[in-house]
Amino acid sequence: MTILHKYIIVVESHLPPRIHLKDNLPNIGIVVELKSEELPNRVTAAWLSERFNLSRKTIIEKVGMYNKGDENKHLYDPKEVIPILENLHLQSEKRNSRRKN
């Protein structure tokens, strides 16, 4: 019995891709699930923290400069902040101290 793995491909486009369920893509596999997501114009820090499994405080620290709301109501344009939060692991500095020789 062969174990099948699941791969996720994200496509952003003005028109939906011409892929249908049960399509057999050569050298790739069979399409078993299709989802689309429409993002709201503004999202809260709580919405972002739930999506990225980060604390609200961390969200505000990392993307606070993109805040479209006031100091109490943190609202963000998801098109600006989601790419930043998705690549947050690339920006983080190493926390370990260097060993002495």
PDB file of N, CA and C in Angstrom:
ATOM      1  N   MET A   1       0.846  -1.180   0.000  1.00  0.00           N
ATOM      2  CA  MET A   1       0.000   0.000   0.000  1.00  0.00           C
ATOM      3  C   MET A   1       0.887   1.238   0.000  1.00  0.00           C
ATOM      4  N   THR A   2       0.654   2.123  -0.925  1.00  0.00           N
ATOM      5  CA  THR A   2       1.422   3.357  -1.043  1.00  0.00           C
ATOM      6  C   THR A   2       0.761   4.449  -0.219  1.00  0.00           C
ATOM      7  N   ILE A   3       1.578   5.189   0.518  1.00  0.00           N
ATOM      8  CA  ILE A   3       1.066   6.303   1.314  1.00  0.00           C
ATOM      9  C   ILE A   3       1.048   7.550   0.443  1.00  0.00           C
ATOM     10  N   LEU A   4      -0.102   8.186   0.364  1.00  0.00           N
ATOM     11  CA  LEU A   4      -0.232   9.420  -0.403  1.00  0.00           C
ATOM     12  C   LEU A   4      -0.027  10.605   0.517  1.00  0.00           C
ATOM     13  N   HIS A   5       0.682  11.591   0.050  1.00  0.00           N
ATOM     14  CA  HIS A   5       0.936  12.802   0.812  1.00  0.00           C
ATOM     15  C   HIS A   5       0.044  13.916   0.296  1.00  0.00           C
ATOM     16  N   LYS A   6      -0.232  14.880   1.155  1.00  0.00           N
ATOM     17  CA  LYS A   6      -1.074  16.008   0.793  1.00  0.00           C
ATOM     18  C   LYS A   6      -0.193  17.228   0.587  1.00  0.00           C
ATOM     19  N   TYR A   7      -0.351  17.925  -0.528  1.00  0.00           N
ATOM     20  CA  TYR A   7       0.390  19.136  -0.839  1.00  0.00           C
ATOM     21  C   TYR A   7      -0.611  20.259  -1.054  1.00  0.00           C
ATOM     22  N   ILE A   8      -0.241  21.444  -0.626  1.00  0.00           N
ATOM     23  CA  ILE A   8      -1.129  22.593  -0.746  1.00  0.00           C
ATOM     24  C   ILE A   8      -0.483  23.601  -1.693  1.00  0.00           C
ATOM     25  N   ILE A   9      -1.240  24.041  -2.674  1.00  0.00           N
ATOM     26  CA  ILE A   9      -0.772  25.042  -3.635  1.00  0.00           C
ATOM     27  C   ILE A   9      -1.677  26.255  -3.502  1.00  0.00           C
ATOM     28  N   VAL A  10      -1.092  27.432  -3.326  1.00  0.00           N
ATOM     29  CA  VAL A  10      -1.861  28.659  -3.183  1.00  0.00           C
ATOM     30  C   VAL A  10      -1.678  29.478  -4.460  1.00  0.00           C
ATOM     31  N   VAL A  11      -2.789  29.881  -5.048  1.00  0.00           N
ATOM     32  CA  VAL A  11      -2.771  30.667  -6.277  1.00  0.00           C
ATOM     33  C   VAL A  11      -3.544  31.955  -6.029  1.00  0.00           C
ATOM     34  N   GLU A  12      -2.905  33.086  -6.312  1.00  0.00           N
ATOM     35  CA  GLU A  12      -3.611  34.370  -6.261  1.00  0.00           C
ATOM     36  C   GLU A  12      -3.751  34.866  -7.687  1.00  0.00           C
ATOM     37  N   SER A  13      -4.980  35.178  -8.068  1.00  0.00           N
ATOM     38  CA  SER A  13      -5.234  35.552  -9.452  1.00  0.00           C
ATOM     39  C   SER A  13      -6.526  36.346  -9.528  1.00  0.00           C
ATOM     40  N   HIS A  14      -6.653  37.130 -10.602  1.00  0.00           N
ATOM     41  CA  HIS A  14      -7.906  37.844 -10.834  1.00  0.00           C
ATOM     42  C   HIS A  14      -8.985  36.888 -11.333  1.00  0.00           C
ATOM     43  N   LEU A  15      -8.585  35.834 -12.025  1.00  0.00           N
ATOM     44  CA  LEU A  15      -9.515  34.824 -12.522  1.00  0.00           C
ATOM     45  C   LEU A  15      -9.213  33.494 -11.841  1.00  0.00           C
ATOM     46  N   PRO A  16     -10.230  32.702 -11.543  1.00  0.00           N
ATOM     47  CA  PRO A  16      -9.967  31.408 -10.918  1.00  0.00           C
ATOM     48  C   PRO A  16      -9.244  30.465 -11.875  1.00  0.00           C
ATOM     49  N   PRO A  17      -8.384  29.602 -11.344  1.00  0.00           N
ATOM     50  CA  PRO A  17      -7.676  28.654 -12.229  1.00  0.00           C
ATOM     51  C   PRO A  17      -8.655  27.640 -12.815  1.00  0.00           C
ATOM     52  N   ARG A  18      -8.314  27.105 -13.943  1.00  0.00           N
ATOM     53  CA  ARG A  18      -9.190  26.131 -14.597  1.00  0.00           C
ATOM     54  C   ARG A  18      -8.816  24.719 -14.158  1.00  0.00           C
ATOM     55  N   ILE A  19      -9.044  24.475 -12.892  1.00  0.00           N
ATOM     56  CA  ILE A  19      -8.799  23.168 -12.299  1.00  0.00           C
ATOM     57  C   ILE A  19     -10.104  22.727 -11.659  1.00  0.00           C
ATOM     58  N   HIS A  20     -10.447  21.477 -11.838  1.00  0.00           N
ATOM     59  CA  HIS A  20     -11.694  20.946 -11.307  1.00  0.00           C
ATOM     60  C   HIS A  20     -11.396  19.735 -10.436  1.00  0.00           C
ATOM     61  N   LEU A  21     -12.346  19.423  -9.549  1.00  0.00           N
ATOM     62  CA  LEU A  21     -12.203  18.233  -8.719  1.00  0.00           C
ATOM     63  C   LEU A  21     -12.074  16.998  -9.592  1.00  0.00           C
ATOM     64  N   LYS A  22     -11.262  16.081  -9.126  1.00  0.00           N
ATOM     65  CA  LYS A  22     -10.996  14.801  -9.793  1.00  0.00           C
ATOM     66  C   LYS A  22     -10.177  14.941 -11.066  1.00  0.00           C
ATOM     67  N   ASP A  23      -9.682  16.162 -11.377  1.00  0.00           N
ATOM     68  CA  ASP A  23      -8.770  16.313 -12.513  1.00  0.00           C
ATOM     69  C   ASP A  23      -7.484  15.567 -12.208  1.00  0.00           C
ATOM     70  N   ASN A  24      -6.936  14.922 -13.210  1.00  0.00           N
ATOM     71  CA  ASN A  24      -5.651  14.249 -13.065  1.00  0.00           C
ATOM     72  C   ASN A  24      -4.589  15.148 -13.697  1.00  0.00           C
ATOM     73  N   LEU A  25      -3.741  15.750 -12.865  1.00  0.00           N
ATOM     74  CA  LEU A  25      -2.690  16.632 -13.353  1.00  0.00           C
ATOM     75  C   LEU A  25      -1.460  15.792 -13.644  1.00  0.00           C
ATOM     76  N   PRO A  26      -0.971  15.782 -14.888  1.00  0.00           N
ATOM     77  CA  PRO A  26       0.166  14.930 -15.245  1.00  0.00           C
ATOM     78  C   PRO A  26       1.387  15.214 -14.369  1.00  0.00           C
ATOM     79  N   ASN A  27       2.028  14.174 -13.909  1.00  0.00           N
ATOM     80  CA  ASN A  27       3.237  14.219 -13.080  1.00  0.00           C
ATOM     81  C   ASN A  27       3.013  14.900 -11.728  1.00  0.00           C
ATOM     82  N   ILE A  28       1.766  15.139 -11.343  1.00  0.00           N
ATOM     83  CA  ILE A  28       1.482  15.786 -10.063  1.00  0.00           C
ATOM     84  C   ILE A  28       0.550  14.917  -9.233  1.00  0.00           C
ATOM     85  N   GLY A  29      -0.651  14.691  -9.686  1.00  0.00           N
ATOM     86  CA  GLY A  29      -1.609  13.887  -8.939  1.00  0.00           C
ATOM     87  C   GLY A  29      -3.034  14.257  -9.284  1.00  0.00           C
ATOM     88  N   ILE A  30      -3.962  13.833  -8.434  1.00  0.00           N
ATOM     89  CA  ILE A  30      -5.390  14.070  -8.644  1.00  0.00           C
ATOM     90  C   ILE A  30      -5.863  15.161  -7.686  1.00  0.00           C
ATOM     91  N   VAL A  31      -6.674  16.089  -8.186  1.00  0.00           N
ATOM     92  CA  VAL A  31      -7.227  17.169  -7.375  1.00  0.00           C
ATOM     93  C   VAL A  31      -8.352  16.595  -6.527  1.00  0.00           C
ATOM     94  N   VAL A  32      -8.196  16.659  -5.196  1.00  0.00           N
ATOM     95  CA  VAL A  32      -9.217  16.102  -4.307  1.00  0.00           C
ATOM     96  C   VAL A  32      -9.950  17.173  -3.517  1.00  0.00           C
ATOM     97  N   GLU A  33      -9.437  18.411  -3.500  1.00  0.00           N
ATOM     98  CA  GLU A  33     -10.091  19.461  -2.725  1.00  0.00           C
ATOM     99  C   GLU A  33      -9.739  20.821  -3.324  1.00  0.00           C
ATOM    100  N   LEU A  34     -10.724  21.681  -3.410  1.00  0.00           N
ATOM    101  CA  LEU A  34     -10.524  23.055  -3.859  1.00  0.00           C
ATOM    102  C   LEU A  34     -11.164  23.991  -2.841  1.00  0.00           C
ATOM    103  N   LYS A  35     -10.470  25.045  -2.475  1.00  0.00           N
ATOM    104  CA  LYS A  35     -11.009  26.039  -1.551  1.00  0.00           C
ATOM    105  C   LYS A  35     -10.694  27.419  -2.098  1.00  0.00           C
ATOM    106  N   SER A  36     -11.556  28.347  -1.809  1.00  0.00           N
ATOM    107  CA  SER A  36     -11.253  29.740  -2.123  1.00  0.00           C
ATOM    108  C   SER A  36     -11.510  30.553  -0.863  1.00  0.00           C
ATOM    109  N   GLU A  37     -10.781  31.613  -0.735  1.00  0.00           N
ATOM    110  CA  GLU A  37     -10.896  32.442   0.456  1.00  0.00           C
ATOM    111  C   GLU A  37     -10.982  33.892   0.026  1.00  0.00           C
ATOM    112  N   GLU A  38     -11.956  34.574   0.551  1.00  0.00           N
ATOM    113  CA  GLU A  38     -12.078  35.992   0.277  1.00  0.00           C
ATOM    114  C   GLU A  38     -11.772  36.738   1.570  1.00  0.00           C
ATOM    115  N   LEU A  39     -10.752  37.563   1.529  1.00  0.00           N
ATOM    116  CA  LEU A  39     -10.327  38.284   2.716  1.00  0.00           C
ATOM    117  C   LEU A  39     -11.125  39.577   2.866  1.00  0.00           C
ATOM    118  N   PRO A  40     -11.470  39.932   4.105  1.00  0.00           N
ATOM    119  CA  PRO A  40     -12.148  41.208   4.319  1.00  0.00           C
ATOM    120  C   PRO A  40     -11.203  42.382   4.074  1.00  0.00           C
ATOM    121  N   ASN A  41     -11.760  43.579   3.948  1.00  0.00           N
ATOM    122  CA  ASN A  41     -10.928  44.764   3.715  1.00  0.00           C
ATOM    123  C   ASN A  41     -10.017  45.058   4.889  1.00  0.00           C
ATOM    124  N   ARG A  42     -10.511  44.897   6.094  1.00  0.00           N
ATOM    125  CA  ARG A  42      -9.738  45.150   7.312  1.00  0.00           C
ATOM    126  C   ARG A  42      -9.923  43.967   8.251  1.00  0.00           C
ATOM    127  N   VAL A  43      -8.846  43.586   8.921  1.00  0.00           N
ATOM    128  CA  VAL A  43      -8.911  42.503   9.894  1.00  0.00           C
ATOM    129  C   VAL A  43      -8.345  42.997  11.215  1.00  0.00           C
ATOM    130  N   THR A  44      -8.788  42.390  12.308  1.00  0.00           N
ATOM    131  CA  THR A  44      -8.325  42.784  13.631  1.00  0.00           C
ATOM    132  C   THR A  44      -7.077  41.990  14.011  1.00  0.00           C
ATOM    133  N   ALA A  45      -6.401  42.456  15.039  1.00  0.00           N
ATOM    134  CA  ALA A  45      -5.236  41.739  15.555  1.00  0.00           C
ATOM    135  C   ALA A  45      -5.653  40.373  16.086  1.00  0.00           C
ATOM    136  N   ALA A  46      -6.850  40.272  16.647  1.00  0.00           N
ATOM    137  CA  ALA A  46      -7.352  38.983  17.142  1.00  0.00           C
ATOM    138  C   ALA A  46      -7.543  37.996  15.996  1.00  0.00           C
ATOM    139  N   TRP A  47      -8.053  38.457  14.871  1.00  0.00           N
ATOM    140  CA  TRP A  47      -8.237  37.605  13.688  1.00  0.00           C
ATOM    141  C   TRP A  47      -6.895  37.089  13.204  1.00  0.00           C
ATOM    142  N   LEU A  48      -5.890  37.970  13.159  1.00  0.00           N
ATOM    143  CA  LEU A  48      -4.550  37.573  12.732  1.00  0.00           C
ATOM    144  C   LEU A  48      -3.908  36.609  13.725  1.00  0.00           C
ATOM    145  N   SER A  49      -4.104  36.847  15.014  1.00  0.00           N
ATOM    146  CA  SER A  49      -3.497  35.966  16.014  1.00  0.00           C
ATOM    147  C   SER A  49      -4.095  34.564  15.943  1.00  0.00           C
ATOM    148  N   GLU A  50      -5.373  34.462  15.638  1.00  0.00           N
ATOM    149  CA  GLU A  50      -6.009  33.153  15.492  1.00  0.00           C
ATOM    150  C   GLU A  50      -5.498  32.440  14.243  1.00  0.00           C
ATOM    151  N   ARG A  51      -5.308  33.167  13.180  1.00  0.00           N
ATOM    152  CA  ARG A  51      -4.868  32.575  11.923  1.00  0.00           C
ATOM    153  C   ARG A  51      -3.416  32.116  11.962  1.00  0.00           C
ATOM    154  N   PHE A  52      -2.546  32.895  12.628  1.00  0.00           N
ATOM    155  CA  PHE A  52      -1.118  32.594  12.624  1.00  0.00           C
ATOM    156  C   PHE A  52      -0.616  31.994  13.926  1.00  0.00           C
ATOM    157  N   ASN A  53      -1.498  31.742  14.878  1.00  0.00           N
ATOM    158  CA  ASN A  53      -1.138  31.154  16.155  1.00  0.00           C
ATOM    159  C   ASN A  53      -0.042  31.965  16.862  1.00  0.00           C
ATOM    160  N   LEU A  54      -0.198  33.268  16.840  1.00  0.00           N
ATOM    161  CA  LEU A  54       0.695  34.193  17.528  1.00  0.00           C
ATOM    162  C   LEU A  54      -0.133  35.005  18.512  1.00  0.00           C
ATOM    163  N   SER A  55       0.515  35.536  19.528  1.00  0.00           N
ATOM    164  CA  SER A  55      -0.232  36.351  20.488  1.00  0.00           C
ATOM    165  C   SER A  55      -0.597  37.694  19.858  1.00  0.00           C
ATOM    166  N   ARG A  56      -1.629  38.307  20.395  1.00  0.00           N
ATOM    167  CA  ARG A  56      -2.067  39.625  19.913  1.00  0.00           C
ATOM    168  C   ARG A  56      -0.945  40.646  20.079  1.00  0.00           C
ATOM    169  N   LYS A  57      -0.225  40.542  21.179  1.00  0.00           N
ATOM    170  CA  LYS A  57       0.890  41.452  21.451  1.00  0.00           C
ATOM    171  C   LYS A  57       1.988  41.310  20.395  1.00  0.00           C
ATOM    172  N   THR A  58       2.306  40.083  20.013  1.00  0.00           N
ATOM    173  CA  THR A  58       3.319  39.845  18.985  1.00  0.00           C
ATOM    174  C   THR A  58       2.881  40.412  17.646  1.00  0.00           C
ATOM    175  N   ILE A  59       1.608  40.230  17.309  1.00  0.00           N
ATOM    176  CA  ILE A  59       1.074  40.770  16.051  1.00  0.00           C
ATOM    177  C   ILE A  59       1.238  42.286  16.033  1.00  0.00           C
ATOM    178  N   ILE A  60       0.858  42.928  17.128  1.00  0.00           N
ATOM    179  CA  ILE A  60       0.928  44.394  17.196  1.00  0.00           C
ATOM    180  C   ILE A  60       2.366  44.868  17.109  1.00  0.00           C
ATOM    181  N   GLU A  61       3.303  44.132  17.729  1.00  0.00           N
ATOM    182  CA  GLU A  61       4.721  44.511  17.665  1.00  0.00           C
ATOM    183  C   GLU A  61       5.279  44.386  16.254  1.00  0.00           C
ATOM    184  N   LYS A  62       4.922  43.318  15.572  1.00  0.00           N
ATOM    185  CA  LYS A  62       5.520  43.032  14.261  1.00  0.00           C
ATOM    186  C   LYS A  62       4.916  43.858  13.132  1.00  0.00           C
ATOM    187  N   VAL A  63       3.611  44.095  13.162  1.00  0.00           N
ATOM    188  CA  VAL A  63       2.964  44.795  12.044  1.00  0.00           C
ATOM    189  C   VAL A  63       2.238  46.057  12.501  1.00  0.00           C
ATOM    190  N   GLY A  64       2.597  46.587  13.650  1.00  0.00           N
ATOM    191  CA  GLY A  64       1.935  47.765  14.201  1.00  0.00           C
ATOM    192  C   GLY A  64       2.011  48.982  13.309  1.00  0.00           C
ATOM    193  N   MET A  65       3.062  49.076  12.511  1.00  0.00           N
ATOM    194  CA  MET A  65       3.209  50.242  11.632  1.00  0.00           C
ATOM    195  C   MET A  65       2.184  50.264  10.509  1.00  0.00           C
ATOM    196  N   TYR A  66       1.514  49.139  10.261  1.00  0.00           N
ATOM    197  CA  TYR A  66       0.493  49.056   9.217  1.00  0.00           C
ATOM    198  C   TYR A  66      -0.918  49.236   9.775  1.00  0.00           C
ATOM    199  N   ASN A  67      -1.025  49.637  11.033  1.00  0.00           N
ATOM    200  CA  ASN A  67      -2.316  49.794  11.698  1.00  0.00           C
ATOM    201  C   ASN A  67      -3.153  50.876  11.004  1.00  0.00           C
ATOM    202  N   LYS A  68      -4.361  50.510  10.612  1.00  0.00           N
ATOM    203  CA  LYS A  68      -5.289  51.448   9.963  1.00  0.00           C
ATOM    204  C   LYS A  68      -6.340  51.961  10.943  1.00  0.00           C
ATOM    205  N   GLY A  69      -6.350  51.400  12.156  1.00  0.00           N
ATOM    206  CA  GLY A  69      -7.307  51.826  13.173  1.00  0.00           C
ATOM    207  C   GLY A  69      -6.641  52.793  14.132  1.00  0.00           C
ATOM    208  N   ASP A  70      -7.165  52.872  15.348  1.00  0.00           N
ATOM    209  CA  ASP A  70      -6.541  53.731  16.359  1.00  0.00           C
ATOM    210  C   ASP A  70      -5.736  52.853  17.327  1.00  0.00           C
ATOM    211  N   GLU A  71      -5.279  53.440  18.439  1.00  0.00           N
ATOM    212  CA  GLU A  71      -4.436  52.705  19.373  1.00  0.00           C
ATOM    213  C   GLU A  71      -5.184  51.588  20.092  1.00  0.00           C
ATOM    214  N   ASN A  72      -6.477  51.722  20.235  1.00  0.00           N
ATOM    215  CA  ASN A  72      -7.261  50.696  20.917  1.00  0.00           C
ATOM    216  C   ASN A  72      -7.817  49.651  19.958  1.00  0.00           C
ATOM    217  N   LYS A  73      -8.173  50.074  18.771  1.00  0.00           N
ATOM    218  CA  LYS A  73      -8.763  49.167  17.780  1.00  0.00           C
ATOM    219  C   LYS A  73      -7.739  48.971  16.665  1.00  0.00           C
ATOM    220  N   HIS A  74      -7.014  47.892  16.726  1.00  0.00           N
ATOM    221  CA  HIS A  74      -5.970  47.611  15.733  1.00  0.00           C
ATOM    222  C   HIS A  74      -6.604  46.932  14.525  1.00  0.00           C
ATOM    223  N   LEU A  75      -6.630  47.635  13.409  1.00  0.00           N
ATOM    224  CA  LEU A  75      -7.178  47.113  12.155  1.00  0.00           C
ATOM    225  C   LEU A  75      -6.087  47.137  11.096  1.00  0.00           C
ATOM    226  N   TYR A  76      -6.013  46.069  10.310  1.00  0.00           N
ATOM    227  CA  TYR A  76      -4.952  45.941   9.318  1.00  0.00           C
ATOM    228  C   TYR A  76      -5.528  45.531   7.974  1.00  0.00           C
ATOM    229  N   ASP A  77      -4.850  45.947   6.915  1.00  0.00           N
ATOM    230  CA  ASP A  77      -5.179  45.494   5.574  1.00  0.00           C
ATOM    231  C   ASP A  77      -4.522  44.121   5.407  1.00  0.00           C
ATOM    232  N   PRO A  78      -5.301  43.052   5.218  1.00  0.00           N
ATOM    233  CA  PRO A  78      -4.700  41.716   5.160  1.00  0.00           C
ATOM    234  C   PRO A  78      -3.716  41.540   4.013  1.00  0.00           C
ATOM    235  N   LYS A  79      -3.895  42.279   2.925  1.00  0.00           N
ATOM    236  CA  LYS A  79      -2.965  42.155   1.793  1.00  0.00           C
ATOM    237  C   LYS A  79      -1.582  42.681   2.142  1.00  0.00           C
ATOM    238  N   GLU A  80      -1.488  43.580   3.110  1.00  0.00           N
ATOM    239  CA  GLU A  80      -0.201  44.121   3.538  1.00  0.00           C
ATOM    240  C   GLU A  80       0.469  43.248   4.591  1.00  0.00           C
ATOM    241  N   VAL A  81      -0.306  42.769   5.571  1.00  0.00           N
ATOM    242  CA  VAL A  81       0.305  42.129   6.736  1.00  0.00           C
ATOM    243  C   VAL A  81       0.433  40.613   6.629  1.00  0.00           C
ATOM    244  N   ILE A  82      -0.408  39.939   5.866  1.00  0.00           N
ATOM    245  CA  ILE A  82      -0.319  38.482   5.779  1.00  0.00           C
ATOM    246  C   ILE A  82       1.021  38.030   5.195  1.00  0.00           C
ATOM    247  N   PRO A  83       1.535  38.638   4.121  1.00  0.00           N
ATOM    248  CA  PRO A  83       2.861  38.210   3.643  1.00  0.00           C
ATOM    249  C   PRO A  83       3.966  38.409   4.688  1.00  0.00           C
ATOM    250  N   ILE A  84       3.866  39.451   5.474  1.00  0.00           N
ATOM    251  CA  ILE A  84       4.873  39.700   6.511  1.00  0.00           C
ATOM    252  C   ILE A  84       4.807  38.614   7.574  1.00  0.00           C
ATOM    253  N   LEU A  85       3.603  38.295   8.025  1.00  0.00           N
ATOM    254  CA  LEU A  85       3.447  37.298   9.073  1.00  0.00           C
ATOM    255  C   LEU A  85       3.759  35.886   8.579  1.00  0.00           C
ATOM    256  N   GLU A  86       3.502  35.611   7.301  1.00  0.00           N
ATOM    257  CA  GLU A  86       3.835  34.296   6.752  1.00  0.00           C
ATOM    258  C   GLU A  86       5.345  34.092   6.698  1.00  0.00           C
ATOM    259  N   ASN A  87       6.099  35.162   6.517  1.00  0.00           N
ATOM    260  CA  ASN A  87       7.559  35.071   6.426  1.00  0.00           C
ATOM    261  C   ASN A  87       8.251  35.533   7.695  1.00  0.00           C
ATOM    262  N   LEU A  88       7.539  35.545   8.792  1.00  0.00           N
ATOM    263  CA  LEU A  88       8.078  36.015  10.057  1.00  0.00           C
ATOM    264  C   LEU A  88       9.249  35.163  10.523  1.00  0.00           C
ATOM    265  N   HIS A  89       9.202  33.866  10.245  1.00  0.00           N
ATOM    266  CA  HIS A  89      10.290  32.987  10.669  1.00  0.00           C
ATOM    267  C   HIS A  89      11.607  33.334   9.971  1.00  0.00           C
ATOM    268  N   LEU A  90      11.559  33.953   8.818  1.00  0.00           N
ATOM    269  CA  LEU A  90      12.774  34.354   8.112  1.00  0.00           C
ATOM    270  C   LEU A  90      13.410  35.585   8.745  1.00  0.00           C
ATOM    271  N   GLN A  91      12.598  36.418   9.407  1.00  0.00           N
ATOM    272  CA  GLN A  91      13.087  37.656   9.996  1.00  0.00           C
ATOM    273  C   GLN A  91      13.598  37.472  11.414  1.00  0.00           C
ATOM    274  N   SER A  92      13.170  36.396  12.081  1.00  0.00           N
ATOM    275  CA  SER A  92      13.516  36.253  13.494  1.00  0.00           C
ATOM    276  C   SER A  92      15.009  35.996  13.664  1.00  0.00           C
ATOM    277  N   GLU A  93      15.558  36.605  14.669  1.00  0.00           N
ATOM    278  CA  GLU A  93      16.973  36.448  14.955  1.00  0.00           C
ATOM    279  C   GLU A  93      17.172  35.222  15.820  1.00  0.00           C
ATOM    280  N   LYS A  94      18.369  34.676  15.755  1.00  0.00           N
ATOM    281  CA  LYS A  94      18.665  33.534  16.604  1.00  0.00           C
ATOM    282  C   LYS A  94      18.830  34.009  18.032  1.00  0.00           C
ATOM    283  N   ARG A  95      18.281  33.248  18.966  1.00  0.00           N
ATOM    284  CA  ARG A  95      18.307  33.646  20.363  1.00  0.00           C
ATOM    285  C   ARG A  95      19.466  33.021  21.133  1.00  0.00           C
ATOM    286  N   ASN A  96      20.079  31.997  20.580  1.00  0.00           N
ATOM    287  CA  ASN A  96      21.133  31.291  21.300  1.00  0.00           C
ATOM    288  C   ASN A  96      22.389  32.153  21.385  1.00  0.00           C
ATOM    289  N   SER A  97      23.045  32.085  22.507  1.00  0.00           N
ATOM    290  CA  SER A  97      24.297  32.826  22.639  1.00  0.00           C
ATOM    291  C   SER A  97      25.437  31.995  22.030  1.00  0.00           C
ATOM    292  N   ARG A  98      26.445  32.663  21.578  1.00  0.00           N
ATOM    293  CA  ARG A  98      27.563  31.974  20.965  1.00  0.00           C
ATOM    294  C   ARG A  98      28.427  31.340  22.048  1.00  0.00           C
ATOM    295  N   ARG A  99      28.996  30.234  21.719  1.00  0.00           N
ATOM    296  CA  ARG A  99      29.863  29.533  22.663  1.00  0.00           C
ATOM    297  C   ARG A  99      31.220  30.203  22.710  1.00  0.00           C
ATOM    298  N   LYS A 100      31.803  30.203  23.879  1.00  0.00           N
ATOM    299  CA  LYS A 100      33.146  30.765  24.014  1.00  0.00           C
ATOM    300  C   LYS A 100      34.162  29.712  23.616  1.00  0.00           C
ATOM    301  N   ASN A 101      35.213  30.164  22.956  1.00  0.00           N
ATOM    302  CA  ASN A 101      36.264  29.217  22.522  1.00  0.00           C
ATOM    303  C   ASN A 101      37.268  28.996  23.605  1.00  0.00           C
TER     304      ASN A 101
END
